[in-house]
Amino acid sequence: MPAGGTYPWLTATVVPRPIAWVSTLDADGLLNLAPHSFFTVASAEPPIVAFTSVGTKDTLSNIRATGEFVVNLTPRRLADQVNVTGTNFPPGVDELAEAGLTAQPSDVVAPPRVAESPVAIECVSEGERNFGRSTMVFGRVVHLSVWASVLAPDGLPDVRLLDPVSRLGREEWGALGEVFSLVRPRYHSPT
C-alpha cells in the first residue's frame, strides 16, 4: 500500500467521480447541504443510489434521524457554490444561504431540493454499510425531478445540457469533455 495512506491515491485514480450534492433536514428541521464525491447508482430495479460519508458528518446524522434525503445534480455553472457547501461549517449553519442558493420544496420527501439544480433525486434511506470510518448510505429513489430544458429529443436527459462537474484528485475538479457513442456488440451464438 502507498505510504501516507490510500485516500489520495484512490481519489486520484478512481476518476472522474460524480458528486452527490445531498440536502437533508435534521430532527429539528434545520437544513444541511453537502457534496459527497463517492456516489453511484447501486441498482436500477429497484432504483437505488448510494453515496459514502467519510466520517459522521451532518448529512449522515440527519439521514439517520429522518430517513430522507435529496441528491441534487452539480452542473458546471454551480461549481463554486458546490465547493462552498463543502466547507466544514459547524452544525446549524445553512449551507444553501452561505452559497447563495435557494431551497425549493421537494415533491415527496421533506428535505428541499436546490432550486438552481436541473436534477433532484428524492430518496428514502434503505440502510447503510460501514467500512472503517466510512459509511455507504443507500437511498431508494421515490421521485426524480428533471428540468424540461435539459431533455434531449428522445425525452431523456442530455448529458451535454446537464454539464455535470466531477471530483478528481487533489483539489482538482472535472468538467464534461468529449462525449461519444459506442454501440455495445451483441454475441450471436453460432448455430
C-alpha atoms as a PDB file:
ATOM      1  CA  MET A   1       0.000   0.000   0.000  1.00  0.00           C
ATOM      2  CA  PRO A   2       1.224   3.537  -0.692  1.00  0.00           C
ATOM      3  CA  ALA A   3       2.963   5.467   2.086  1.00  0.00           C
ATOM      4  CA  GLY A   4       0.714   8.126   3.595  1.00  0.00           C
ATOM      5  CA  GLY A   5      -2.480   6.139   3.146  1.00  0.00           C
ATOM      6  CA  THR A   6      -4.672   5.141   0.244  1.00  0.00           C
ATOM      7  CA  TYR A   7      -7.089   8.112   0.177  1.00  0.00           C
ATOM      8  CA  PRO A   8      -5.006  10.414  -2.078  1.00  0.00           C
ATOM      9  CA  TRP A   9      -4.133   7.514  -4.358  1.00  0.00           C
ATOM     10  CA  LEU A  10      -7.677   6.220  -4.734  1.00  0.00           C
ATOM     11  CA  THR A  11      -9.192   9.674  -5.263  1.00  0.00           C
ATOM     12  CA  ALA A  12      -6.546  10.469  -7.903  1.00  0.00           C
ATOM     13  CA  THR A  13      -7.029   7.203  -9.801  1.00  0.00           C
ATOM     14  CA  VAL A  14     -10.752   6.448  -9.463  1.00  0.00           C
ATOM     15  CA  VAL A  15     -11.785   9.360 -11.659  1.00  0.00           C
ATOM     16  CA  PRO A  16     -13.943  11.098 -12.579  1.00  0.00           C
ATOM     17  CA  ARG A  17     -16.243  10.780  -9.574  1.00  0.00           C
ATOM     18  CA  PRO A  18     -19.754  12.242  -9.860  1.00  0.00           C
ATOM     19  CA  ILE A  19     -20.868  14.377  -6.941  1.00  0.00           C
ATOM     20  CA  ALA A  20     -23.944  13.685  -4.821  1.00  0.00           C
ATOM     21  CA  TRP A  21     -24.975  17.138  -3.598  1.00  0.00           C
ATOM     22  CA  VAL A  22     -27.087  15.921  -0.699  1.00  0.00           C
ATOM     23  CA  SER A  23     -29.738  18.022   1.024  1.00  0.00           C
ATOM     24  CA  THR A  24     -31.104  16.820   4.365  1.00  0.00           C
ATOM     25  CA  LEU A  25     -33.016  18.088   7.373  1.00  0.00           C
ATOM     26  CA  ASP A  26     -32.123  17.365  10.968  1.00  0.00           C
ATOM     27  CA  ALA A  27     -34.723  16.273  13.540  1.00  0.00           C
ATOM     28  CA  ASP A  28     -35.498  19.955  14.274  1.00  0.00           C
ATOM     29  CA  GLY A  29     -35.961  20.822  10.586  1.00  0.00           C
ATOM     30  CA  LEU A  30     -32.611  22.594  10.097  1.00  0.00           C
ATOM     31  CA  LEU A  31     -31.326  22.292   6.526  1.00  0.00           C
ATOM     32  CA  ASN A  32     -27.944  20.869   5.511  1.00  0.00           C
ATOM     33  CA  LEU A  33     -26.402  20.690   2.027  1.00  0.00           C
ATOM     34  CA  ALA A  34     -23.096  18.932   1.366  1.00  0.00           C
ATOM     35  CA  PRO A  35     -21.221  17.415  -1.592  1.00  0.00           C
ATOM     36  CA  HIS A  36     -20.126  13.764  -1.498  1.00  0.00           C
ATOM     37  CA  SER A  37     -17.899  12.532  -4.332  1.00  0.00           C
ATOM     38  CA  PHE A  38     -18.175   8.811  -3.597  1.00  0.00           C
ATOM     39  CA  PHE A  39     -21.537   8.427  -5.398  1.00  0.00           C
ATOM     40  CA  THR A  40     -23.142   5.932  -7.772  1.00  0.00           C
ATOM     41  CA  VAL A  41     -26.279   4.110  -8.900  1.00  0.00           C
ATOM     42  CA  ALA A  42     -26.429   0.896  -6.866  1.00  0.00           C
ATOM     43  CA  SER A  43     -29.480  -0.606  -8.626  1.00  0.00           C
ATOM     44  CA  ALA A  44     -31.889   0.368 -11.406  1.00  0.00           C
ATOM     45  CA  GLU A  45     -34.663  -2.057 -10.388  1.00  0.00           C
ATOM     46  CA  PRO A  46     -35.418  -1.174  -7.653  1.00  0.00           C
ATOM     47  CA  PRO A  47     -33.996   2.326  -8.140  1.00  0.00           C
ATOM     48  CA  ILE A  48     -31.247   2.730  -5.525  1.00  0.00           C
ATOM     49  CA  VAL A  49     -28.463   5.316  -5.340  1.00  0.00           C
ATOM     50  CA  ALA A  50     -25.539   5.189  -2.928  1.00  0.00           C
ATOM     51  CA  PHE A  51     -23.031   7.660  -1.567  1.00  0.00           C
ATOM     52  CA  THR A  52     -20.349   7.420   1.079  1.00  0.00           C
ATOM     53  CA  SER A  53     -19.876   9.709   4.055  1.00  0.00           C
ATOM     54  CA  VAL A  54     -16.282   9.755   5.260  1.00  0.00           C
ATOM     55  CA  GLY A  55     -16.754  10.235   8.994  1.00  0.00           C
ATOM     56  CA  THR A  56     -20.059  11.012  10.684  1.00  0.00           C
ATOM     57  CA  LYS A  57     -20.993  14.314   9.099  1.00  0.00           C
ATOM     58  CA  ASP A  58     -24.266  16.255   9.396  1.00  0.00           C
ATOM     59  CA  THR A  59     -25.582  14.551   6.258  1.00  0.00           C
ATOM     60  CA  LEU A  60     -25.252  11.091   7.779  1.00  0.00           C
ATOM     61  CA  SER A  61     -26.613  12.161  11.178  1.00  0.00           C
ATOM     62  CA  ASN A  62     -29.628  13.792   9.514  1.00  0.00           C
ATOM     63  CA  ILE A  63     -30.421  10.752   7.363  1.00  0.00           C
ATOM     64  CA  ARG A  64     -30.216   8.543  10.434  1.00  0.00           C
ATOM     65  CA  ALA A  65     -32.639  10.888  12.225  1.00  0.00           C
ATOM     66  CA  THR A  66     -35.188  11.375   9.420  1.00  0.00           C
ATOM     67  CA  GLY A  67     -34.632   8.634   6.831  1.00  0.00           C
ATOM     68  CA  GLU A  68     -34.840  11.038   3.873  1.00  0.00           C
ATOM     69  CA  PHE A  69     -32.518  12.965   1.563  1.00  0.00           C
ATOM     70  CA  VAL A  70     -32.276  14.557  -1.885  1.00  0.00           C
ATOM     71  CA  VAL A  71     -29.361  14.169  -4.302  1.00  0.00           C
ATOM     72  CA  ASN A  72     -29.047  17.293  -6.454  1.00  0.00           C
ATOM     73  CA  LEU A  73     -27.042  17.376  -9.699  1.00  0.00           C
ATOM     74  CA  THR A  74     -23.923  19.573  -9.718  1.00  0.00           C
ATOM     75  CA  PRO A  75     -23.748  21.463 -13.046  1.00  0.00           C
ATOM     76  CA  ARG A  76     -20.565  23.328 -14.007  1.00  0.00           C
ATOM     77  CA  ARG A  77     -22.198  26.736 -13.556  1.00  0.00           C
ATOM     78  CA  LEU A  78     -22.713  25.909  -9.843  1.00  0.00           C
ATOM     79  CA  ALA A  79     -19.216  24.510  -9.138  1.00  0.00           C
ATOM     80  CA  ASP A  80     -18.253  27.423  -6.887  1.00  0.00           C
ATOM     81  CA  GLN A  81     -21.446  27.019  -4.845  1.00  0.00           C
ATOM     82  CA  VAL A  82     -20.901  23.254  -4.592  1.00  0.00           C
ATOM     83  CA  ASN A  83     -17.421  23.951  -3.261  1.00  0.00           C
ATOM     84  CA  VAL A  84     -18.747  26.455  -0.678  1.00  0.00           C
ATOM     85  CA  THR A  85     -21.179  23.845   0.644  1.00  0.00           C
ATOM     86  CA  GLY A  86     -18.211  21.541   1.259  1.00  0.00           C
ATOM     87  CA  THR A  87     -16.888  23.949   3.906  1.00  0.00           C
ATOM     88  CA  ASN A  88     -16.588  22.394   7.361  1.00  0.00           C
ATOM     89  CA  PHE A  89     -19.269  24.650   8.843  1.00  0.00           C
ATOM     90  CA  PRO A  90     -20.434  23.849  12.381  1.00  0.00           C
ATOM     91  CA  PRO A  91     -23.844  22.157  12.754  1.00  0.00           C
ATOM     92  CA  GLY A  92     -26.774  24.523  12.309  1.00  0.00           C
ATOM     93  CA  VAL A  93     -25.238  26.645   9.528  1.00  0.00           C
ATOM     94  CA  ASP A  94     -27.474  26.891   6.438  1.00  0.00           C
ATOM     95  CA  GLU A  95     -25.133  25.943   3.583  1.00  0.00           C
ATOM     96  CA  LEU A  96     -27.694  26.962   0.955  1.00  0.00           C
ATOM     97  CA  ALA A  97     -27.755  30.504   2.338  1.00  0.00           C
ATOM     98  CA  GLU A  98     -23.943  30.587   2.621  1.00  0.00           C
ATOM     99  CA  ALA A  99     -23.690  29.603  -1.058  1.00  0.00           C
ATOM    100  CA  GLY A 100     -26.429  31.999  -2.204  1.00  0.00           C
ATOM    101  CA  LEU A 101     -28.731  29.158  -3.268  1.00  0.00           C
ATOM    102  CA  THR A 102     -32.486  28.687  -3.000  1.00  0.00           C
ATOM    103  CA  ALA A 103     -34.341  25.846  -1.284  1.00  0.00           C
ATOM    104  CA  GLN A 104     -37.315  24.516  -3.258  1.00  0.00           C
ATOM    105  CA  PRO A 105     -39.863  22.125  -1.730  1.00  0.00           C
ATOM    106  CA  SER A 106     -39.468  18.520  -2.833  1.00  0.00           C
ATOM    107  CA  ASP A 107     -42.406  16.547  -4.198  1.00  0.00           C
ATOM    108  CA  VAL A 108     -42.313  13.506  -1.879  1.00  0.00           C
ATOM    109  CA  VAL A 109     -39.687  13.880   0.867  1.00  0.00           C
ATOM    110  CA  ALA A 110     -39.298  16.616   3.476  1.00  0.00           C
ATOM    111  CA  PRO A 111     -35.769  17.845   2.645  1.00  0.00           C
ATOM    112  CA  PRO A 112     -35.898  20.522  -0.050  1.00  0.00           C
ATOM    113  CA  ARG A 113     -34.058  20.393  -3.343  1.00  0.00           C
ATOM    114  CA  VAL A 114     -31.653  23.020  -4.690  1.00  0.00           C
ATOM    115  CA  ALA A 115     -33.805  25.214  -6.955  1.00  0.00           C
ATOM    116  CA  GLU A 116     -30.840  26.093  -9.190  1.00  0.00           C
ATOM    117  CA  SER A 117     -30.037  22.435  -9.949  1.00  0.00           C
ATOM    118  CA  PRO A 118     -31.668  20.808 -13.006  1.00  0.00           C
ATOM    119  CA  VAL A 119     -31.976  17.364 -11.377  1.00  0.00           C
ATOM    120  CA  ALA A 120     -33.185  16.290  -7.940  1.00  0.00           C
ATOM    121  CA  ILE A 121     -33.317  12.646  -6.857  1.00  0.00           C
ATOM    122  CA  GLU A 122     -35.587  12.298  -3.827  1.00  0.00           C
ATOM    123  CA  CYS A 123     -34.716   9.307  -1.643  1.00  0.00           C
ATOM    124  CA  VAL A 124     -35.707   7.399   1.453  1.00  0.00           C
ATOM    125  CA  SER A 125     -32.967   5.562   3.283  1.00  0.00           C
ATOM    126  CA  GLU A 126     -32.583   1.871   2.524  1.00  0.00           C
ATOM    127  CA  GLY A 127     -29.882   1.404   5.134  1.00  0.00           C
ATOM    128  CA  GLU A 128     -26.156   1.784   5.347  1.00  0.00           C
ATOM    129  CA  ARG A 129     -22.943  -0.221   5.406  1.00  0.00           C
ATOM    130  CA  ASN A 130     -19.897   0.748   7.465  1.00  0.00           C
ATOM    131  CA  PHE A 131     -16.323   0.396   6.227  1.00  0.00           C
ATOM    132  CA  GLY A 132     -13.903   1.712   8.849  1.00  0.00           C
ATOM    133  CA  ARG A 133     -14.531   5.470   9.182  1.00  0.00           C
ATOM    134  CA  SER A 134     -16.710   5.499   6.064  1.00  0.00           C
ATOM    135  CA  THR A 135     -20.425   4.786   5.800  1.00  0.00           C
ATOM    136  CA  MET A 136     -22.118   3.958   2.499  1.00  0.00           C
ATOM    137  CA  VAL A 137     -25.737   5.158   2.504  1.00  0.00           C
ATOM    138  CA  PHE A 138     -28.297   3.552   0.202  1.00  0.00           C
ATOM    139  CA  GLY A 139     -31.353   5.523  -0.898  1.00  0.00           C
ATOM    140  CA  ARG A 140     -34.448   4.249  -2.677  1.00  0.00           C
ATOM    141  CA  VAL A 141     -35.468   6.780  -5.312  1.00  0.00           C
ATOM    142  CA  VAL A 142     -39.065   7.840  -4.671  1.00  0.00           C
ATOM    143  CA  HIS A 143     -39.167  10.806  -7.058  1.00  0.00           C
ATOM    144  CA  LEU A 144     -36.968  12.181  -9.831  1.00  0.00           C
ATOM    145  CA  SER A 145     -37.278  15.807 -10.984  1.00  0.00           C
ATOM    146  CA  VAL A 146     -35.567  16.864 -14.221  1.00  0.00           C
ATOM    147  CA  TRP A 147     -35.903  20.244 -15.916  1.00  0.00           C
ATOM    148  CA  ALA A 148     -37.504  20.028 -19.371  1.00  0.00           C
ATOM    149  CA  SER A 149     -34.752  22.336 -20.676  1.00  0.00           C
ATOM    150  CA  VAL A 150     -32.108  19.593 -20.228  1.00  0.00           C
ATOM    151  CA  LEU A 151     -34.013  16.876 -22.100  1.00  0.00           C
ATOM    152  CA  ALA A 152     -32.924  15.592 -25.498  1.00  0.00           C
ATOM    153  CA  PRO A 153     -35.416  14.976 -28.337  1.00  0.00           C
ATOM    154  CA  ASP A 154     -35.776  11.342 -27.188  1.00  0.00           C
ATOM    155  CA  GLY A 155     -37.115  12.577 -23.831  1.00  0.00           C
ATOM    156  CA  LEU A 156     -34.078  11.529 -21.780  1.00  0.00           C
ATOM    157  CA  PRO A 157     -31.622  13.945 -20.135  1.00  0.00           C
ATOM    158  CA  ASP A 158     -28.888  15.237 -22.459  1.00  0.00           C
ATOM    159  CA  VAL A 159     -25.579  14.980 -20.591  1.00  0.00           C
ATOM    160  CA  ARG A 160     -24.239  17.984 -22.538  1.00  0.00           C
ATOM    161  CA  LEU A 161     -27.090  20.138 -21.233  1.00  0.00           C
ATOM    162  CA  LEU A 162     -26.697  18.769 -17.695  1.00  0.00           C
ATOM    163  CA  ASP A 163     -22.988  19.727 -17.881  1.00  0.00           C
ATOM    164  CA  PRO A 164     -22.066  17.935 -14.627  1.00  0.00           C
ATOM    165  CA  VAL A 165     -18.851  18.531 -12.724  1.00  0.00           C
ATOM    166  CA  SER A 166     -16.938  15.769 -11.018  1.00  0.00           C
ATOM    167  CA  ARG A 167     -14.174  15.400  -8.488  1.00  0.00           C
ATOM    168  CA  LEU A 168     -10.721  14.231  -9.467  1.00  0.00           C
ATOM    169  CA  GLY A 169      -7.596  14.008  -7.295  1.00  0.00           C
ATOM    170  CA  ARG A 170      -6.094  16.652  -5.009  1.00  0.00           C
ATOM    171  CA  GLU A 171      -8.084  19.907  -5.345  1.00  0.00           C
ATOM    172  CA  GLU A 172      -8.952  19.072  -8.966  1.00  0.00           C
ATOM    173  CA  TRP A 173     -12.416  19.110 -10.469  1.00  0.00           C
ATOM    174  CA  GLY A 174     -13.527  17.892 -13.875  1.00  0.00           C
ATOM    175  CA  ALA A 175     -15.997  19.178 -16.430  1.00  0.00           C
ATOM    176  CA  LEU A 176     -17.611  17.261 -19.244  1.00  0.00           C
ATOM    177  CA  GLY A 177     -15.252  16.865 -22.172  1.00  0.00           C
ATOM    178  CA  GLU A 178     -15.725  14.925 -25.377  1.00  0.00           C
ATOM    179  CA  VAL A 179     -18.899  12.829 -25.491  1.00  0.00           C
ATOM    180  CA  PHE A 180     -19.017   9.912 -27.918  1.00  0.00           C
ATOM    181  CA  SER A 181     -21.254   6.909 -28.520  1.00  0.00           C
ATOM    182  CA  LEU A 182     -20.394   3.243 -28.910  1.00  0.00           C
ATOM    183  CA  VAL A 183     -22.978   0.597 -29.724  1.00  0.00           C
ATOM    184  CA  ARG A 184     -22.482  -2.373 -27.424  1.00  0.00           C
ATOM    185  CA  PRO A 185     -21.827  -5.501 -29.510  1.00  0.00           C
ATOM    186  CA  ARG A 186     -24.135  -8.470 -29.096  1.00  0.00           C
ATOM    187  CA  TYR A 187     -22.904 -12.023 -29.061  1.00  0.00           C
ATOM    188  CA  HIS A 188     -24.629 -14.302 -31.550  1.00  0.00           C
ATOM    189  CA  SER A 189     -24.252 -17.993 -30.891  1.00  0.00           C
ATOM    190  CA  PRO A 190     -23.077 -19.965 -33.913  1.00  0.00           C
ATOM    191  CA  THR A 191     -25.731 -22.445 -34.996  1.00  0.00           C
END
